[in-house]
PDB file of N, CA and C in Angstrom:
ATOM      1  N   MET A   1       8.123  -0.163 -81.724  1.00  0.00           N
ATOM      2  CA  MET A   1       7.229  -0.606 -82.687  1.00  0.00           C
ATOM      3  C   MET A   1       6.840  -2.123 -82.585  1.00  0.00           C
ATOM      4  N   ILE A   2       8.030  -2.696 -82.665  1.00  0.00           N
ATOM      5  CA  ILE A   2       8.085  -4.357 -82.734  1.00  0.00           C
ATOM      6  C   ILE A   2       7.544  -4.861 -81.163  1.00  0.00           C
ATOM      7  N   VAL A   3       7.977  -4.030 -80.316  1.00  0.00           N
ATOM      8  CA  VAL A   3       7.553  -4.359 -78.808  1.00  0.00           C
ATOM      9  C   VAL A   3       6.096  -4.185 -78.823  1.00  0.00           C
ATOM     10  N   LEU A   4       5.571  -3.257 -79.185  1.00  0.00           N
ATOM     11  CA  LEU A   4       4.180  -2.977 -79.183  1.00  0.00           C
ATOM     12  C   LEU A   4       3.331  -4.035 -79.896  1.00  0.00           C
ATOM     13  N   ARG A   5       3.808  -4.525 -81.045  1.00  0.00           N
ATOM     14  CA  ARG A   5       3.308  -5.543 -81.740  1.00  0.00           C
ATOM     15  C   ARG A   5       3.233  -6.790 -81.011  1.00  0.00           C
ATOM     16  N   ARG A   6       4.343  -7.022 -80.332  1.00  0.00           N
ATOM     17  CA  ARG A   6       4.492  -8.432 -79.430  1.00  0.00           C
ATOM     18  C   ARG A   6       3.714  -8.296 -78.277  1.00  0.00           C
ATOM     19  N   PHE A   7       3.578  -7.330 -77.666  1.00  0.00           N
ATOM     20  CA  PHE A   7       2.671  -6.883 -76.576  1.00  0.00           C
ATOM     21  C   PHE A   7       1.297  -7.172 -77.111  1.00  0.00           C
ATOM     22  N   THR A   8       0.753  -6.784 -78.090  1.00  0.00           N
ATOM     23  CA  THR A   8      -0.544  -6.831 -78.484  1.00  0.00           C
ATOM     24  C   THR A   8      -1.003  -8.364 -78.586  1.00  0.00           C
ATOM     25  N   PHE A   9       0.217  -8.952 -79.400  1.00  0.00           N
ATOM     26  CA  PHE A   9      -0.176 -10.182 -79.594  1.00  0.00           C
ATOM     27  C   PHE A   9      -0.059 -11.163 -78.361  1.00  0.00           C
ATOM     28  N   LEU A  10       0.627 -10.837 -77.272  1.00  0.00           N
ATOM     29  CA  LEU A  10       0.754 -11.695 -76.129  1.00  0.00           C
ATOM     30  C   LEU A  10      -0.508 -11.347 -75.346  1.00  0.00           C
ATOM     31  N   SER A  11      -1.108 -10.148 -75.392  1.00  0.00           N
ATOM     32  CA  SER A  11      -2.226  -9.876 -74.664  1.00  0.00           C
ATOM     33  C   SER A  11      -3.363 -10.534 -75.202  1.00  0.00           C
ATOM     34  N   GLN A  12      -3.427 -10.714 -76.739  1.00  0.00           N
ATOM     35  CA  GLN A  12      -4.476 -11.390 -77.326  1.00  0.00           C
ATOM     36  C   GLN A  12      -4.496 -13.018 -77.084  1.00  0.00           C
ATOM     37  N   ALA A  13      -3.273 -13.372 -76.702  1.00  0.00           N
ATOM     38  CA  ALA A  13      -3.248 -14.738 -76.494  1.00  0.00           C
ATOM     39  C   ALA A  13      -3.548 -15.026 -75.129  1.00  0.00           C
ATOM     40  N   SER A  14      -3.198 -14.180 -74.190  1.00  0.00           N
ATOM     41  CA  SER A  14      -3.578 -14.323 -72.973  1.00  0.00           C
ATOM     42  C   SER A  14      -5.107 -14.030 -72.645  1.00  0.00           C
ATOM     43  N   LEU A  15      -5.726 -13.383 -73.501  1.00  0.00           N
ATOM     44  CA  LEU A  15      -7.212 -13.425 -73.501  1.00  0.00           C
ATOM     45  C   LEU A  15      -7.786 -14.467 -73.962  1.00  0.00           C
ATOM     46  N   LEU A  16      -7.237 -15.261 -75.073  1.00  0.00           N
ATOM     47  CA  LEU A  16      -7.864 -16.440 -75.674  1.00  0.00           C
ATOM     48  C   LEU A  16      -7.691 -17.657 -74.440  1.00  0.00           C
ATOM     49  N   SER A  17      -6.613 -17.454 -73.625  1.00  0.00           N
ATOM     50  CA  SER A  17      -6.385 -18.432 -72.653  1.00  0.00           C
ATOM     51  C   SER A  17      -7.667 -18.546 -71.648  1.00  0.00           C
ATOM     52  N   LEU A  18      -8.399 -17.345 -71.520  1.00  0.00           N
ATOM     53  CA  LEU A  18      -9.355 -17.255 -70.574  1.00  0.00           C
ATOM     54  C   LEU A  18     -10.567 -17.750 -70.939  1.00  0.00           C
ATOM     55  N   LEU A  19     -10.776 -18.018 -72.413  1.00  0.00           N
ATOM     56  CA  LEU A  19     -11.983 -18.480 -72.881  1.00  0.00           C
ATOM     57  C   LEU A  19     -12.462 -20.022 -72.593  1.00  0.00           C
ATOM     58  N   PRO A  20     -13.650 -20.425 -72.584  1.00  0.00           N
ATOM     59  CA  PRO A  20     -13.694 -21.918 -72.260  1.00  0.00           C
ATOM     60  C   PRO A  20     -13.324 -22.675 -73.709  1.00  0.00           C
ATOM     61  N   LYS A  21     -13.022 -23.925 -73.298  1.00  0.00           N
ATOM     62  CA  LYS A  21     -12.481 -24.727 -74.423  1.00  0.00           C
ATOM     63  C   LYS A  21     -13.167 -24.707 -75.527  1.00  0.00           C
ATOM     64  N   HIS A  22     -14.453 -24.674 -75.470  1.00  0.00           N
ATOM     65  CA  HIS A  22     -15.213 -24.777 -76.783  1.00  0.00           C
ATOM     66  C   HIS A  22     -15.083 -23.751 -77.607  1.00  0.00           C
ATOM     67  N   LEU A  23     -14.958 -22.530 -76.928  1.00  0.00           N
ATOM     68  CA  LEU A  23     -14.828 -21.177 -77.656  1.00  0.00           C
ATOM     69  C   LEU A  23     -13.237 -21.213 -78.152  1.00  0.00           C
ATOM     70  N   MET A  24     -12.475 -21.645 -77.424  1.00  0.00           N
ATOM     71  CA  MET A  24     -11.036 -21.827 -77.966  1.00  0.00           C
ATOM     72  C   MET A  24     -11.076 -22.390 -78.995  1.00  0.00           C
ATOM     73  N   ARG A  25     -11.673 -23.616 -79.124  1.00  0.00           N
ATOM     74  CA  ARG A  25     -11.623 -24.567 -80.510  1.00  0.00           C
ATOM     75  C   ARG A  25     -12.365 -23.773 -81.666  1.00  0.00           C
ATOM     76  N   ILE A  26     -13.443 -22.987 -81.265  1.00  0.00           N
ATOM     77  CA  ILE A  26     -14.028 -22.259 -82.494  1.00  0.00           C
ATOM     78  C   ILE A  26     -13.226 -21.244 -82.914  1.00  0.00           C
ATOM     79  N   ALA A  27     -12.400 -20.397 -82.046  1.00  0.00           N
ATOM     80  CA  ALA A  27     -11.513 -19.234 -82.314  1.00  0.00           C
ATOM     81  C   ALA A  27     -10.214 -19.914 -83.311  1.00  0.00           C
ATOM     82  N   GLU A  28      -9.837 -21.230 -82.877  1.00  0.00           N
ATOM     83  CA  GLU A  28      -8.776 -21.863 -83.613  1.00  0.00           C
ATOM     84  C   GLU A  28      -9.178 -22.044 -85.036  1.00  0.00           C
ATOM     85  N   HIS A  29     -10.179 -22.776 -85.154  1.00  0.00           N
ATOM     86  CA  HIS A  29     -11.111 -22.839 -86.681  1.00  0.00           C
ATOM     87  C   HIS A  29     -11.260 -21.857 -87.419  1.00  0.00           C
ATOM     88  N   ILE A  30     -11.601 -20.674 -86.755  1.00  0.00           N
ATOM     89  CA  ILE A  30     -11.907 -19.350 -87.509  1.00  0.00           C
ATOM     90  C   ILE A  30     -10.489 -18.993 -88.076  1.00  0.00           C
ATOM     91  N   LEU A  31      -9.400 -18.879 -87.107  1.00  0.00           N
ATOM     92  CA  LEU A  31      -8.212 -18.495 -87.658  1.00  0.00           C
ATOM     93  C   LEU A  31      -7.573 -19.390 -88.955  1.00  0.00           C
ATOM     94  N   SER A  32      -7.880 -20.559 -89.017  1.00  0.00           N
ATOM     95  CA  SER A  32      -7.660 -21.627 -89.837  1.00  0.00           C
ATOM     96  C   SER A  32      -8.438 -21.305 -91.181  1.00  0.00           C
ATOM     97  N   ILE A  33      -9.747 -21.030 -91.073  1.00  0.00           N
ATOM     98  CA  ILE A  33     -10.460 -20.384 -92.015  1.00  0.00           C
ATOM     99  C   ILE A  33      -9.815 -19.282 -92.771  1.00  0.00           C
ATOM    100  N   GLY A  34      -9.284 -18.298 -91.839  1.00  0.00           N
ATOM    101  CA  GLY A  34      -8.925 -17.041 -92.421  1.00  0.00           C
ATOM    102  C   GLY A  34      -7.452 -17.408 -93.175  1.00  0.00           C
ATOM    103  N   TYR A  35      -6.809 -18.271 -92.604  1.00  0.00           N
ATOM    104  CA  TYR A  35      -5.462 -18.696 -93.321  1.00  0.00           C
ATOM    105  C   TYR A  35      -5.699 -19.283 -94.746  1.00  0.00           C
ATOM    106  N   HIS A  36      -6.736 -20.333 -94.851  1.00  0.00           N
ATOM    107  CA  HIS A  36      -7.034 -21.029 -96.070  1.00  0.00           C
ATOM    108  C   HIS A  36      -7.671 -20.146 -96.966  1.00  0.00           C
ATOM    109  N   SER A  37      -8.397 -19.130 -96.439  1.00  0.00           N
ATOM    110  CA  SER A  37      -9.172 -18.278 -97.466  1.00  0.00           C
ATOM    111  C   SER A  37      -8.156 -17.370 -98.453  1.00  0.00           C
ATOM    112  N   HIS A  38      -6.860 -17.210 -97.866  1.00  0.00           N
ATOM    113  CA  HIS A  38      -6.104 -16.445 -98.630  1.00  0.00           C
ATOM    114  C   HIS A  38      -5.391 -17.405 -99.805  1.00  0.00           C
ATOM    115  N   ASN A  39      -5.654 -18.561 -99.640  1.00  0.00           N
ATOM    116  CA  ASN A  39      -5.000 -19.613-100.824  1.00  0.00           C
ATOM    117  C   ASN A  39      -6.326 -20.081-101.679  1.00  0.00           C
ATOM    118  N   ASN A  40      -7.548 -19.804-101.315  1.00  0.00           N
ATOM    119  CA  ASN A  40      -8.707 -20.200-101.994  1.00  0.00           C
ATOM    120  C   ASN A  40      -8.677 -21.897-101.826  1.00  0.00           C
ATOM    121  N   ASP A  41      -8.197 -22.173-100.589  1.00  0.00           N
ATOM    122  CA  ASP A  41      -8.288 -23.776-100.383  1.00  0.00           C
ATOM    123  C   ASP A  41      -9.577 -24.243 -99.803  1.00  0.00           C
ATOM    124  N   TYR A  42     -10.560 -24.188-100.642  1.00  0.00           N
ATOM    125  CA  TYR A  42     -11.913 -24.405-100.183  1.00  0.00           C
ATOM    126  C   TYR A  42     -12.245 -25.781 -99.509  1.00  0.00           C
ATOM    127  N   LEU A  43     -11.466 -26.682 -99.735  1.00  0.00           N
ATOM    128  CA  LEU A  43     -11.496 -28.149 -99.046  1.00  0.00           C
ATOM    129  C   LEU A  43     -11.143 -27.784 -97.630  1.00  0.00           C
ATOM    130  N   GLU A  44      -9.838 -27.151 -97.509  1.00  0.00           N
ATOM    131  CA  GLU A  44      -9.634 -27.000 -96.066  1.00  0.00           C
ATOM    132  C   GLU A  44     -10.491 -26.014 -95.261  1.00  0.00           C
ATOM    133  N   ILE A  45     -11.055 -25.146 -95.841  1.00  0.00           N
ATOM    134  CA  ILE A  45     -12.064 -24.366 -95.195  1.00  0.00           C
ATOM    135  C   ILE A  45     -13.097 -25.022 -94.694  1.00  0.00           C
ATOM    136  N   CYS A  46     -13.658 -25.934 -95.637  1.00  0.00           N
ATOM    137  CA  CYS A  46     -14.730 -26.672 -95.576  1.00  0.00           C
ATOM    138  C   CYS A  46     -14.495 -27.722 -94.188  1.00  0.00           C
ATOM    139  N   ARG A  47     -13.247 -28.313 -94.177  1.00  0.00           N
ATOM    140  CA  ARG A  47     -12.792 -28.939 -93.153  1.00  0.00           C
ATOM    141  C   ARG A  47     -12.943 -28.314 -91.782  1.00  0.00           C
ATOM    142  N   SER A  48     -12.676 -27.041 -91.908  1.00  0.00           N
ATOM    143  CA  SER A  48     -12.704 -26.328 -90.607  1.00  0.00           C
ATOM    144  C   SER A  48     -13.994 -26.130 -90.110  1.00  0.00           C
ATOM    145  N   CYS A  49     -14.866 -25.539 -91.178  1.00  0.00           N
ATOM    146  CA  CYS A  49     -16.293 -25.411 -90.604  1.00  0.00           C
ATOM    147  C   CYS A  49     -17.003 -26.687 -90.202  1.00  0.00           C
ATOM    148  N   LYS A  50     -16.411 -27.793 -90.703  1.00  0.00           N
ATOM    149  CA  LYS A  50     -17.080 -29.229 -90.420  1.00  0.00           C
ATOM    150  C   LYS A  50     -16.548 -29.326 -88.916  1.00  0.00           C
ATOM    151  N   ALA A  51     -15.213 -28.958 -88.526  1.00  0.00           N
ATOM    152  CA  ALA A  51     -14.869 -29.127 -87.044  1.00  0.00           C
ATOM    153  C   ALA A  51     -15.655 -28.152 -86.031  1.00  0.00           C
ATOM    154  N   ILE A  52     -15.870 -27.088 -86.714  1.00  0.00           N
ATOM    155  CA  ILE A  52     -16.660 -26.133 -85.863  1.00  0.00           C
ATOM    156  C   ILE A  52     -18.065 -26.876 -85.549  1.00  0.00           C
ATOM    157  N   TYR A  53     -18.635 -27.459 -86.661  1.00  0.00           N
ATOM    158  CA  TYR A  53     -20.034 -27.704 -86.633  1.00  0.00           C
ATOM    159  C   TYR A  53     -19.925 -29.088 -85.686  1.00  0.00           C
ATOM    160  N   GLU A  54     -19.015 -29.996 -85.661  1.00  0.00           N
ATOM    161  CA  GLU A  54     -19.040 -30.896 -84.612  1.00  0.00           C
ATOM    162  C   GLU A  54     -18.881 -30.682 -83.159  1.00  0.00           C
ATOM    163  N   ILE A  55     -18.559 -29.209 -82.879  1.00  0.00           N
ATOM    164  CA  ILE A  55     -18.483 -29.015 -81.471  1.00  0.00           C
ATOM    165  C   ILE A  55     -19.926 -29.156 -80.884  1.00  0.00           C
ATOM    166  N   PRO A  56     -20.090 -29.874 -79.710  1.00  0.00           N
ATOM    167  CA  PRO A  56     -21.438 -30.123 -79.207  1.00  0.00           C
ATOM    168  C   PRO A  56     -22.292 -28.654 -78.975  1.00  0.00           C
ATOM    169  N   SER A  57     -21.649 -27.768 -78.403  1.00  0.00           N
ATOM    170  CA  SER A  57     -22.465 -26.670 -78.211  1.00  0.00           C
ATOM    171  C   SER A  57     -23.243 -25.934 -79.545  1.00  0.00           C
ATOM    172  N   VAL A  58     -22.242 -26.000 -80.614  1.00  0.00           N
ATOM    173  CA  VAL A  58     -22.826 -25.468 -81.832  1.00  0.00           C
ATOM    174  C   VAL A  58     -23.926 -26.366 -82.484  1.00  0.00           C
ATOM    175  N   LYS A  59     -23.651 -27.805 -82.392  1.00  0.00           N
ATOM    176  CA  LYS A  59     -24.412 -28.771 -82.990  1.00  0.00           C
ATOM    177  C   LYS A  59     -25.761 -28.606 -82.265  1.00  0.00           C
ATOM    178  N   GLU A  60     -26.129 -28.391 -81.138  1.00  0.00           N
ATOM    179  CA  GLU A  60     -26.997 -28.350 -80.451  1.00  0.00           C
ATOM    180  C   GLU A  60     -28.080 -27.194 -80.587  1.00  0.00           C
ATOM    181  N   ASP A  61     -27.533 -26.041 -81.004  1.00  0.00           N
ATOM    182  CA  ASP A  61     -28.084 -24.807 -81.033  1.00  0.00           C
ATOM    183  C   ASP A  61     -28.405 -24.403 -82.413  1.00  0.00           C
ATOM    184  N   PRO A  62     -29.805 -24.351 -82.917  1.00  0.00           N
ATOM    185  CA  PRO A  62     -29.979 -24.101 -84.185  1.00  0.00           C
ATOM    186  C   PRO A  62     -29.489 -22.810 -84.848  1.00  0.00           C
ATOM    187  N   ALA A  63     -29.540 -21.873 -83.842  1.00  0.00           N
ATOM    188  CA  ALA A  63     -29.010 -20.414 -84.353  1.00  0.00           C
ATOM    189  C   ALA A  63     -27.593 -20.476 -84.714  1.00  0.00           C
ATOM    190  N   GLN A  64     -26.860 -21.422 -84.224  1.00  0.00           N
ATOM    191  CA  GLN A  64     -25.472 -21.673 -84.610  1.00  0.00           C
ATOM    192  C   GLN A  64     -25.360 -22.658 -85.537  1.00  0.00           C
ATOM    193  N   ARG A  65     -25.970 -23.631 -85.459  1.00  0.00           N
ATOM    194  CA  ARG A  65     -25.847 -24.816 -86.532  1.00  0.00           C
ATOM    195  C   ARG A  65     -26.128 -24.404 -87.811  1.00  0.00           C
ATOM    196  N   ILE A  66     -27.143 -23.758 -88.151  1.00  0.00           N
ATOM    197  CA  ILE A  66     -27.588 -23.737 -89.301  1.00  0.00           C
ATOM    198  C   ILE A  66     -26.852 -22.876 -90.218  1.00  0.00           C
ATOM    199  N   PRO A  67     -26.116 -21.587 -89.588  1.00  0.00           N
ATOM    200  CA  PRO A  67     -25.021 -20.981 -90.574  1.00  0.00           C
ATOM    201  C   PRO A  67     -23.964 -21.806 -90.883  1.00  0.00           C
ATOM    202  N   VAL A  68     -23.477 -22.358 -89.938  1.00  0.00           N
ATOM    203  CA  VAL A  68     -22.157 -23.304 -90.039  1.00  0.00           C
ATOM    204  C   VAL A  68     -22.359 -24.587 -91.118  1.00  0.00           C
ATOM    205  N   LEU A  69     -23.627 -24.962 -91.167  1.00  0.00           N
ATOM    206  CA  LEU A  69     -23.927 -25.959 -92.091  1.00  0.00           C
ATOM    207  C   LEU A  69     -24.189 -25.678 -93.442  1.00  0.00           C
ATOM    208  N   ARG A  70     -24.649 -24.394 -93.542  1.00  0.00           N
ATOM    209  CA  ARG A  70     -24.480 -23.472 -94.877  1.00  0.00           C
ATOM    210  C   ARG A  70     -23.196 -23.471 -95.360  1.00  0.00           C
ATOM    211  N   GLU A  71     -22.261 -22.911 -94.624  1.00  0.00           N
ATOM    212  CA  GLU A  71     -20.882 -22.710 -94.952  1.00  0.00           C
ATOM    213  C   GLU A  71     -20.235 -23.959 -95.611  1.00  0.00           C
ATOM    214  N   ILE A  72     -20.425 -25.145 -94.917  1.00  0.00           N
ATOM    215  CA  ILE A  72     -19.913 -26.341 -95.195  1.00  0.00           C
ATOM    216  C   ILE A  72     -20.493 -26.866 -96.480  1.00  0.00           C
ATOM    217  N   CYS A  73     -21.788 -26.704 -96.833  1.00  0.00           N
ATOM    218  CA  CYS A  73     -22.349 -26.822 -98.160  1.00  0.00           C
ATOM    219  C   CYS A  73     -21.727 -26.221 -99.124  1.00  0.00           C
ATOM    220  N   TRP A  74     -21.619 -24.712 -99.047  1.00  0.00           N
ATOM    221  CA  TRP A  74     -21.072 -23.728 -99.972  1.00  0.00           C
ATOM    222  C   TRP A  74     -19.629 -24.210-100.273  1.00  0.00           C
ATOM    223  N   TYR A  75     -18.687 -24.485 -99.428  1.00  0.00           N
ATOM    224  CA  TYR A  75     -17.373 -24.866 -99.609  1.00  0.00           C
ATOM    225  C   TYR A  75     -17.475 -26.015-100.142  1.00  0.00           C
ATOM    226  N   LEU A  76     -18.162 -27.145 -99.951  1.00  0.00           N
ATOM    227  CA  LEU A  76     -18.273 -28.392-100.684  1.00  0.00           C
ATOM    228  C   LEU A  76     -18.238 -28.262-102.084  1.00  0.00           C
ATOM    229  N   VAL A  77     -19.234 -27.468-102.500  1.00  0.00           N
ATOM    230  CA  VAL A  77     -19.590 -27.256-103.892  1.00  0.00           C
ATOM    231  C   VAL A  77     -18.326 -26.687-104.538  1.00  0.00           C
ATOM    232  N   LEU A  78     -17.626 -25.530-103.772  1.00  0.00           N
ATOM    233  CA  LEU A  78     -16.561 -24.718-104.366  1.00  0.00           C
ATOM    234  C   LEU A  78     -15.285 -25.720-104.506  1.00  0.00           C
ATOM    235  N   SER A  79     -15.176 -26.682-103.627  1.00  0.00           N
ATOM    236  CA  SER A  79     -13.958 -27.302-103.469  1.00  0.00           C
ATOM    237  C   SER A  79     -13.846 -28.318-104.768  1.00  0.00           C
ATOM    238  N   PRO A  80     -12.571 -28.672-105.035  1.00  0.00           N
ATOM    239  CA  PRO A  80     -12.386 -29.522-106.412  1.00  0.00           C
ATOM    240  C   PRO A  80     -12.709 -30.794-106.002  1.00  0.00           C
ATOM    241  N   HIS A  81     -13.037 -31.864-106.699  1.00  0.00           N
ATOM    242  CA  HIS A  81     -13.317 -33.033-106.480  1.00  0.00           C
ATOM    243  C   HIS A  81     -12.109 -34.037-106.303  1.00  0.00           C
ATOM    244  N   ASP A  82     -12.023 -34.709-105.311  1.00  0.00           N
ATOM    245  CA  ASP A  82     -10.995 -35.413-104.851  1.00  0.00           C
ATOM    246  C   ASP A  82     -11.587 -36.370-103.759  1.00  0.00           C
ATOM    247  N   PRO A  83     -10.852 -37.572-103.468  1.00  0.00           N
ATOM    248  CA  PRO A  83     -11.589 -38.333-102.451  1.00  0.00           C
ATOM    249  C   PRO A  83     -11.968 -37.817-100.930  1.00  0.00           C
ATOM    250  N   LEU A  84     -11.317 -36.771-100.542  1.00  0.00           N
ATOM    251  CA  LEU A  84     -11.499 -36.017 -99.170  1.00  0.00           C
ATOM    252  C   LEU A  84     -12.885 -35.304 -99.643  1.00  0.00           C
ATOM    253  N   GLN A  85     -13.065 -34.640-100.620  1.00  0.00           N
ATOM    254  CA  GLN A  85     -14.236 -34.026-101.022  1.00  0.00           C
ATOM    255  C   GLN A  85     -15.481 -34.852-101.116  1.00  0.00           C
ATOM    256  N   SER A  86     -15.333 -35.963-101.645  1.00  0.00           N
ATOM    257  CA  SER A  86     -16.167 -36.993-101.830  1.00  0.00           C
ATOM    258  C   SER A  86     -16.744 -37.436-100.337  1.00  0.00           C
ATOM    259  N   SER A  87     -15.877 -37.691 -99.765  1.00  0.00           N
ATOM    260  CA  SER A  87     -16.035 -38.100 -98.151  1.00  0.00           C
ATOM    261  C   SER A  87     -16.815 -37.243 -97.292  1.00  0.00           C
ATOM    262  N   LEU A  88     -16.387 -36.018 -97.550  1.00  0.00           N
ATOM    263  CA  LEU A  88     -16.923 -34.909 -96.704  1.00  0.00           C
ATOM    264  C   LEU A  88     -18.385 -34.694 -97.296  1.00  0.00           C
ATOM    265  N   LEU A  89     -18.605 -34.769 -98.584  1.00  0.00           N
ATOM    266  CA  LEU A  89     -19.779 -34.593 -99.211  1.00  0.00           C
ATOM    267  C   LEU A  89     -21.076 -35.805 -98.781  1.00  0.00           C
ATOM    268  N   ASN A  90     -20.633 -36.910 -98.667  1.00  0.00           N
ATOM    269  CA  ASN A  90     -21.302 -37.937 -98.145  1.00  0.00           C
ATOM    270  C   ASN A  90     -21.554 -37.956 -96.992  1.00  0.00           C
ATOM    271  N   SER A  91     -20.689 -37.596 -96.056  1.00  0.00           N
ATOM    272  CA  SER A  91     -21.157 -37.411 -94.483  1.00  0.00           C
ATOM    273  C   SER A  91     -22.035 -36.313 -94.346  1.00  0.00           C
ATOM    274  N   THR A  92     -21.869 -35.265 -95.111  1.00  0.00           N
ATOM    275  CA  THR A  92     -22.674 -34.100 -94.869  1.00  0.00           C
ATOM    276  C   THR A  92     -24.096 -34.626 -95.381  1.00  0.00           C
ATOM    277  N   LEU A  93     -24.210 -35.180 -96.586  1.00  0.00           N
ATOM    278  CA  LEU A  93     -25.644 -35.621 -96.902  1.00  0.00           C
ATOM    279  C   LEU A  93     -26.251 -36.608 -95.997  1.00  0.00           C
ATOM    280  N   GLU A  94     -25.447 -37.267 -95.136  1.00  0.00           N
ATOM    281  CA  GLU A  94     -25.996 -38.371 -94.277  1.00  0.00           C
ATOM    282  C   GLU A  94     -26.558 -37.345 -92.742  1.00  0.00           C
ATOM    283  N   ASP A  95     -26.330 -36.049 -92.859  1.00  0.00           N
ATOM    284  CA  ASP A  95     -26.520 -35.484 -91.542  1.00  0.00           C
ATOM    285  C   ASP A  95     -28.006 -35.070 -91.728  1.00  0.00           C
ATOM    286  N   LYS A  96     -28.860 -35.311 -90.648  1.00  0.00           N
ATOM    287  CA  LYS A  96     -30.217 -35.289 -90.598  1.00  0.00           C
ATOM    288  C   LYS A  96     -30.648 -33.684 -90.471  1.00  0.00           C
ATOM    289  N   ASN A  97     -29.540 -32.860 -89.818  1.00  0.00           N
ATOM    290  CA  ASN A  97     -30.079 -31.478 -89.759  1.00  0.00           C
ATOM    291  C   ASN A  97     -29.934 -30.705 -91.020  1.00  0.00           C
ATOM    292  N   LEU A  98     -29.415 -31.462 -92.255  1.00  0.00           N
ATOM    293  CA  LEU A  98     -29.452 -30.706 -93.582  1.00  0.00           C
ATOM    294  C   LEU A  98     -30.815 -30.415 -94.092  1.00  0.00           C
ATOM    295  N   GLY A  99     -31.942 -31.273 -93.569  1.00  0.00           N
ATOM    296  CA  GLY A  99     -33.383 -30.948 -93.993  1.00  0.00           C
ATOM    297  C   GLY A  99     -33.754 -29.296 -93.263  1.00  0.00           C
ATOM    298  N   GLU A 100     -33.040 -28.877 -92.372  1.00  0.00           N
ATOM    299  CA  GLU A 100     -33.363 -27.721 -91.861  1.00  0.00           C
ATOM    300  C   GLU A 100     -33.131 -26.560 -92.755  1.00  0.00           C
ATOM    301  N   ILE A 101     -32.197 -26.765 -93.898  1.00  0.00           N
ATOM    302  CA  ILE A 101     -31.937 -25.642 -94.715  1.00  0.00           C
ATOM    303  C   ILE A 101     -32.840 -26.189 -96.117  1.00  0.00           C
ATOM    304  N   PRO A 102     -33.767 -25.462 -96.250  1.00  0.00           N
ATOM    305  CA  PRO A 102     -34.510 -25.980 -97.613  1.00  0.00           C
ATOM    306  C   PRO A 102     -33.853 -26.208 -98.818  1.00  0.00           C
ATOM    307  N   LYS A 103     -33.075 -25.145 -99.462  1.00  0.00           N
ATOM    308  CA  LYS A 103     -32.438 -25.283-100.793  1.00  0.00           C
ATOM    309  C   LYS A 103     -31.289 -26.199-100.744  1.00  0.00           C
ATOM    310  N   PHE A 104     -30.795 -26.235 -99.574  1.00  0.00           N
ATOM    311  CA  PHE A 104     -29.341 -27.076 -99.499  1.00  0.00           C
ATOM    312  C   PHE A 104     -29.704 -28.523 -99.378  1.00  0.00           C
ATOM    313  N   ARG A 105     -30.828 -28.921 -99.270  1.00  0.00           N
ATOM    314  CA  ARG A 105     -30.879 -30.448 -99.229  1.00  0.00           C
ATOM    315  C   ARG A 105     -31.023 -31.107-100.576  1.00  0.00           C
ATOM    316  N   PHE A 106     -31.021 -30.115-101.780  1.00  0.00           N
ATOM    317  CA  PHE A 106     -30.781 -30.405-103.070  1.00  0.00           C
ATOM    318  C   PHE A 106     -29.341 -30.721-103.339  1.00  0.00           C
ATOM    319  N   ILE A 107     -28.428 -30.572-102.425  1.00  0.00           N
ATOM    320  CA  ILE A 107     -27.151 -30.564-102.806  1.00  0.00           C
ATOM    321  C   ILE A 107     -26.845 -32.150-103.346  1.00  0.00           C
ATOM    322  N   ASN A 108     -27.631 -33.130-102.979  1.00  0.00           N
ATOM    323  CA  ASN A 108     -27.553 -34.467-103.370  1.00  0.00           C
ATOM    324  C   ASN A 108     -27.776 -34.497-104.784  1.00  0.00           C
ATOM    325  N   TYR A 109     -28.900 -33.813-105.412  1.00  0.00           N
ATOM    326  CA  TYR A 109     -28.741 -33.753-106.794  1.00  0.00           C
ATOM    327  C   TYR A 109     -27.673 -33.179-107.505  1.00  0.00           C
ATOM    328  N   ALA A 110     -27.120 -32.089-107.004  1.00  0.00           N
ATOM    329  CA  ALA A 110     -25.968 -31.462-107.677  1.00  0.00           C
ATOM    330  C   ALA A 110     -24.724 -32.379-107.526  1.00  0.00           C
ATOM    331  N   LYS A 111     -24.689 -33.509-106.607  1.00  0.00           N
ATOM    332  CA  LYS A 111     -23.651 -34.109-106.439  1.00  0.00           C
ATOM    333  C   LYS A 111     -23.508 -35.252-107.837  1.00  0.00           C
ATOM    334  N   TRP A 112     -24.899 -35.556-108.152  1.00  0.00           N
ATOM    335  CA  TRP A 112     -24.999 -36.608-109.277  1.00  0.00           C
ATOM    336  C   TRP A 112     -24.830 -35.975-110.484  1.00  0.00           C
ATOM    337  N   ILE A 113     -25.169 -34.747-110.456  1.00  0.00           N
ATOM    338  CA  ILE A 113     -24.984 -33.774-112.026  1.00  0.00           C
ATOM    339  C   ILE A 113     -23.475 -33.433-112.209  1.00  0.00           C
ATOM    340  N   CYS A 114     -22.814 -33.112-110.870  1.00  0.00           N
ATOM    341  CA  CYS A 114     -21.376 -32.540-111.174  1.00  0.00           C
ATOM    342  C   CYS A 114     -20.442 -33.913-111.460  1.00  0.00           C
ATOM    343  N   PHE A 115     -20.699 -34.791-110.762  1.00  0.00           N
ATOM    344  CA  PHE A 115     -19.564 -36.052-110.666  1.00  0.00           C
ATOM    345  C   PHE A 115     -20.052 -36.983-111.198  1.00  0.00           C
TER     346      PHE A 115
END
């Protein structure tokens, strides 16, 4: 049974090596999101989402960009206030693509109310 699990893991790892680099980076960050979600570490989840968002293929395609940007906004709001959260919040507010998400552009007002 252990050998079967090891074989399954090795076959998944070898399949991941066949993916293009940008898809491997996305898969790596998705695994990181799953890991940090068990601890409710919203700031680290937000950082992983931000790393996915910074991948050029994601940032150029609106169908991929908008859902990831929404996730960044949600996890920013859920994360506790600290200097890293403030830095991520400011860099997200400076992003010109935030205007594509109608209700999320009001995150700037939430920043001033909450903090």
